[in-house]
Amino acid sequence: MEVTGYVVLTLEFRRVGRRWTAYCKELGTATFGRSLPEADKRIKEAVLLHLNTLEDVGERQRFFRENNIEFHHTRPRKNITVCVSPRTSAFIEPYVQRLPEASAA
């Protein structure tokens, strides 16, 4: 049975003209969509691809350590909070991504 865990990431959405941009603060991954739901779907796909690629090349543990990303062995509680500056026009969403535990290298 494959051991799994979770990471909590911060997704930021902004409307720019007729499009929505989406950015994952911890990974630096970004994309856009014609609507907020499309941008949301695309950033979650990009985040999973980024995390899977880090694991495939054996860099996920190092990347997490260097960027202070915590791997949780159980799903974090739903009351995750994100601090937002009142001066920002961004929509911020905490996102819990499920993934396999990093293999020992």
Protein backbone atom coordinates (compact mmCIF):
# COMPACT_ATOMS: atom_id res chain seq x y z
CA MET A 1 0.00 0.00 0.00
CA GLU A 2 1.34 3.40 -1.00
CA VAL A 3 1.86 5.86 1.86
CA THR A 4 0.41 9.27 1.10
CA GLY A 5 0.52 12.69 2.67
CA TYR A 6 -0.47 16.26 2.07
CA VAL A 7 1.00 19.71 1.54
CA VAL A 8 -0.77 22.99 2.16
CA LEU A 9 -0.18 25.55 -0.58
CA THR A 10 -1.35 29.12 -1.15
CA LEU A 11 -3.10 29.88 -4.42
CA GLU A 12 -3.53 33.49 -5.48
CA PHE A 13 -5.98 34.60 -8.17
CA ARG A 14 -6.18 38.03 -9.81
CA ARG A 15 -8.38 39.37 -12.55
CA VAL A 16 -6.28 40.99 -15.28
CA GLY A 17 -8.43 42.44 -18.02
CA ARG A 18 -10.66 39.63 -19.29
CA ARG A 19 -8.54 36.83 -17.82
CA TRP A 20 -7.72 35.41 -14.42
CA THR A 21 -4.13 34.73 -13.39
CA ALA A 22 -3.37 32.00 -10.86
CA TYR A 23 -0.16 31.66 -8.87
CA CYS A 24 1.08 29.15 -6.29
CA LYS A 25 3.18 31.11 -3.81
CA GLU A 26 5.23 28.19 -2.48
CA LEU A 27 6.08 26.60 -5.84
CA GLY A 28 6.22 29.69 -8.05
CA THR A 29 3.89 27.93 -10.49
CA ALA A 30 1.57 30.18 -12.50
CA THR A 31 -1.08 29.98 -15.20
CA PHE A 32 -4.20 31.79 -16.39
CA GLY A 33 -7.76 31.13 -17.51
CA ARG A 34 -10.66 32.90 -19.19
CA SER A 35 -12.69 32.43 -16.01
CA LEU A 36 -11.93 31.90 -12.33
CA PRO A 37 -13.00 28.21 -12.45
CA GLU A 38 -10.75 27.62 -15.48
CA ALA A 39 -7.78 29.32 -13.78
CA ASP A 40 -8.47 27.29 -10.62
CA LYS A 41 -8.51 24.02 -12.56
CA ARG A 42 -5.35 24.90 -14.49
CA ILE A 43 -3.32 25.94 -11.42
CA LYS A 44 -4.24 22.74 -9.58
CA GLU A 45 -3.15 20.68 -12.59
CA ALA A 46 0.10 22.69 -12.83
CA VAL A 47 0.78 22.29 -9.09
CA LEU A 48 0.35 18.52 -9.28
CA LEU A 49 2.60 18.34 -12.36
CA HIS A 50 5.25 20.45 -10.58
CA LEU A 51 5.13 18.25 -7.46
CA ASN A 52 5.24 15.02 -9.48
CA THR A 53 8.20 16.31 -11.50
CA LEU A 54 10.09 17.21 -8.32
CA GLU A 55 9.52 13.65 -7.08
CA ASP A 56 10.46 12.08 -10.45
CA VAL A 57 13.85 13.84 -10.43
CA GLY A 58 14.43 13.14 -6.73
CA GLU A 59 14.30 16.79 -5.66
CA ARG A 60 11.03 17.05 -3.75
CA GLN A 61 12.46 16.58 -0.23
CA ARG A 62 15.23 19.11 -0.87
CA PHE A 63 12.81 21.61 -2.44
CA PHE A 64 10.37 21.27 0.47
CA ARG A 65 13.17 21.72 3.01
CA GLU A 66 14.62 24.79 1.26
CA ASN A 67 11.19 26.41 0.80
CA ASN A 68 9.75 25.50 4.23
CA ILE A 69 6.96 23.36 2.75
CA GLU A 70 5.74 20.90 5.36
CA PHE A 71 4.71 17.36 4.37
CA HIS A 72 1.76 16.26 6.54
CA HIS A 73 1.13 12.54 7.04
CA THR A 74 -2.53 13.21 7.80
CA ARG A 75 -4.87 15.67 6.10
CA PRO A 76 -4.61 19.06 7.80
CA ARG A 77 -7.74 20.37 9.50
CA LYS A 78 -10.15 22.42 7.43
CA ASN A 79 -9.58 25.57 9.47
CA ILE A 80 -6.44 26.60 7.59
CA THR A 81 -5.98 30.36 7.61
CA VAL A 82 -4.12 32.59 5.20
CA CYS A 83 -3.11 36.15 6.07
CA VAL A 84 -4.09 38.63 3.38
CA SER A 85 -3.09 42.27 3.17
CA PRO A 86 -6.15 44.54 2.94
CA ARG A 87 -4.35 46.44 0.17
CA THR A 88 -4.34 43.49 -2.22
CA SER A 89 -6.98 42.88 -4.87
CA ALA A 90 -6.14 39.17 -4.98
CA PHE A 91 -8.38 36.27 -4.08
CA ILE A 92 -6.34 33.91 -1.86
CA GLU A 93 -7.22 30.25 -1.36
CA PRO A 94 -5.45 27.69 0.83
CA TYR A 95 -5.14 24.43 -1.10
CA VAL A 96 -4.42 20.99 0.31
CA GLN A 97 -2.78 18.70 -2.26
CA ARG A 98 -2.59 14.95 -1.66
CA LEU A 99 0.57 13.22 -2.88
CA PRO A 100 2.68 10.13 -2.32
CA GLU A 101 5.30 10.31 0.38
CA ALA A 102 8.72 11.09 -1.07
CA SER A 103 10.80 8.01 -1.66
CA ALA A 104 14.03 7.70 0.28
CA ALA A 105 16.91 8.56 -1.99
